[in-house]
Protein backbone atom coordinates (compact mmCIF):
# COMPACT_ATOMS: atom_id res chain seq x y z
CA GLU A 1 31.42 -13.68 -50.98
CA ARG A 2 28.82 -16.18 -49.69
CA LEU A 3 30.73 -16.54 -46.42
CA GLU A 4 30.91 -12.77 -46.06
CA LYS A 5 27.13 -12.51 -46.59
CA GLU A 6 26.57 -15.23 -43.99
CA ARG A 7 28.90 -13.49 -41.57
CA LEU A 8 27.08 -10.17 -42.04
CA ALA A 9 23.71 -11.86 -41.61
CA ALA A 10 24.89 -13.59 -38.42
CA GLU A 11 26.25 -10.28 -37.13
CA ALA A 12 22.94 -8.52 -37.86
CA ALA A 13 21.03 -11.30 -36.07
CA LYS A 14 23.37 -11.00 -33.10
CA GLU A 15 22.86 -7.22 -32.97
CA ALA A 16 19.08 -7.66 -33.15
CA LYS A 17 19.16 -10.17 -30.31
CA GLN A 18 21.37 -7.82 -28.28
CA ALA A 19 18.93 -4.94 -28.88
CA GLU A 20 16.06 -7.17 -27.73
CA LEU A 21 18.00 -8.15 -24.60
CA GLU A 22 18.67 -4.48 -23.85
CA ARG A 23 14.98 -3.65 -24.31
CA LEU A 24 14.00 -6.47 -21.98
CA GLU A 25 16.59 -5.28 -19.43
CA ARG A 26 15.07 -1.77 -19.53
CA GLU A 27 11.64 -3.31 -18.98
CA ARG A 28 13.02 -5.33 -16.07
CA LEU A 29 14.51 -2.21 -14.49
CA LEU A 30 11.22 -0.36 -14.90
CA ALA A 31 9.37 -3.30 -13.39
CA GLU A 32 11.77 -3.37 -10.47
CA GLN A 33 11.21 0.36 -9.89
CA ARG A 34 7.44 -0.14 -9.98
CA TRP A 35 7.76 -3.01 -7.52
CA LYS A 36 9.72 -0.76 -5.13
CA GLU A 37 7.05 1.92 -5.40
CA GLU A 38 4.34 -0.65 -4.79
CA GLU A 39 6.24 -1.93 -1.76
CA GLU A 40 6.22 1.62 -0.43
CA VAL A 41 2.43 1.67 -0.90
CA ARG A 42 2.13 -1.62 1.01
CA LEU A 43 4.24 -0.22 3.85
CA GLU A 44 2.11 2.93 3.89
CA VAL A 45 -1.04 0.77 4.14
CA GLN A 46 0.49 -1.03 7.12
CA ARG A 47 1.46 2.27 8.74
CA LEU A 48 -2.04 3.69 8.27
CA GLU A 49 -3.59 0.54 9.72
CA LYS A 50 -1.33 0.79 12.79
CA GLU A 51 -2.30 4.44 13.19
CA ARG A 52 -5.99 3.55 12.89
CA LEU A 53 -5.69 0.85 15.56
CA ALA A 54 -3.75 3.16 17.86
CA ALA A 55 -6.37 5.89 17.40
CA GLU A 56 -9.15 3.44 18.20
CA ALA A 57 -7.35 2.29 21.36
CA ALA A 58 -6.74 5.90 22.44
CA LYS A 59 -10.37 6.75 21.76
CA GLU A 60 -11.56 3.79 23.80
CA ALA A 61 -9.24 4.70 26.70
CA GLU A 62 -10.48 8.30 26.55
CA LEU A 63 -14.11 7.17 26.57
CA GLN A 64 -13.46 4.93 29.58
CA ARG A 65 -11.68 7.76 31.42
CA LEU A 66 -14.54 10.15 30.72
CA ALA A 67 -17.12 7.61 31.89
CA GLN A 68 -15.28 7.11 35.21
CA GLU A 69 -14.97 10.86 35.66
CA ARG A 70 -18.70 11.25 35.09
CA LEU A 71 -19.55 8.58 37.69
CA LEU A 72 -17.35 10.27 40.33
CA ALA A 73 -18.94 13.64 39.62
CA GLU A 74 -22.43 12.12 39.94
CA GLN A 75 -21.52 10.80 43.39
CA ARG A 76 -20.32 14.25 44.56
CA ARG A 77 -23.10 16.50 43.24
CA LYS A 78 -26.10 14.81 41.68
CA GLU A 79 -28.05 17.92 40.69
CA GLU A 80 -25.09 19.75 39.15
CA GLU A 81 -23.94 16.60 37.45
CA GLU A 82 -27.27 15.90 35.74
CA GLU A 83 -26.79 19.04 33.66
CA ALA A 84 -23.07 18.42 33.19
CA ALA A 85 -23.75 14.80 32.18
CA ARG A 86 -26.25 15.94 29.55
CA LEU A 87 -23.69 18.35 28.11
CA GLU A 88 -20.98 15.67 28.31
CA ALA A 89 -23.19 13.17 26.50
CA GLU A 90 -23.75 15.64 23.67
CA ARG A 91 -20.04 16.29 23.41
CA LEU A 92 -19.25 12.57 23.40
CA GLU A 93 -21.86 11.97 20.72
CA LYS A 94 -20.28 14.68 18.57
CA GLU A 95 -16.86 13.12 19.17
CA ARG A 96 -18.21 9.67 18.36
CA LEU A 97 -19.82 10.94 15.15
CA ALA A 98 -16.63 12.77 14.20
CA ALA A 99 -14.54 9.69 15.01
CA GLU A 100 -16.94 7.50 13.05
CA ALA A 101 -16.70 9.82 10.04
CA ALA A 102 -12.90 9.85 10.33
CA LYS A 103 -12.87 6.07 10.65
CA GLU A 104 -15.02 5.71 7.52
CA ALA A 105 -12.75 8.07 5.60
CA LYS A 106 -9.67 6.16 6.77
CA GLN A 107 -11.36 2.86 5.83
CA ALA A 108 -12.13 4.19 2.35
CA GLU A 109 -8.47 5.21 2.01
CA LEU A 110 -7.35 1.77 3.19
CA GLU A 111 -9.63 0.13 0.63
CA ARG A 112 -8.25 2.37 -2.11
CA LEU A 113 -4.69 1.52 -1.07
CA GLU A 114 -5.60 -2.18 -0.97
CA ARG A 115 -6.92 -1.94 -4.54
CA GLU A 116 -3.66 -0.25 -5.54
CA ARG A 117 -1.71 -2.96 -3.75
CA LEU A 118 -3.64 -5.68 -5.61
CA LEU A 119 -3.02 -3.94 -8.93
CA ALA A 120 0.64 -3.55 -8.04
CA GLU A 121 0.86 -7.22 -7.14
CA GLN A 122 -0.67 -8.13 -10.53
CA ARG A 123 1.83 -5.87 -12.32
CA TRP A 124 4.64 -7.43 -10.31
CA LYS A 125 3.55 -10.90 -11.41
CA GLU A 126 3.49 -9.79 -15.04
CA GLU A 127 6.90 -8.20 -14.66
CA GLU A 128 8.23 -11.37 -13.06
CA GLU A 129 7.15 -13.22 -16.21
CA VAL A 130 9.14 -10.67 -18.27
CA ARG A 131 12.18 -11.19 -16.01
CA LEU A 132 11.92 -14.94 -16.46
CA GLU A 133 11.65 -14.47 -20.24
CA VAL A 134 14.77 -12.26 -20.16
CA GLN A 135 16.61 -14.96 -18.24
CA ARG A 136 15.46 -17.60 -20.70
CA LEU A 137 16.59 -15.49 -23.68
CA GLU A 138 19.90 -14.77 -21.97
CA LYS A 139 20.43 -18.51 -21.40
CA GLU A 140 19.61 -19.17 -25.06
CA ARG A 141 22.03 -16.44 -26.11
CA LEU A 142 24.76 -17.85 -23.93
CA ALA A 143 24.05 -21.36 -25.14
CA ALA A 144 24.20 -20.10 -28.73
């Protein structure tokens, strides 16, 4: 009777440990899923940064092209070009202001994504600790 009670107690302890291992495995899987999602966010941040740099380069090339065009037109017809240059300068200023506003909005988005990335990295570290604890418990279980 004593041996049967000990056997039942050992079996209950084993089942409890197995339930804990399963819970930790579910947490590990959730952590892995979150890490994948956070990796997607990091890749999106990289993609947006590449787009921003490409847009800046295109804008700079466009500004250079427009400046050269303006100089050629000034050489051909100075009087006509004075008026056209004034109008062009206004248009470029509007473009610059619009580009500056877009750049600021994109920068704010990049900062938000960077904050998300840092939070994701912190969660990943915490989840890594859980994974290591699961491994340790699994080793203890196997050793037992």
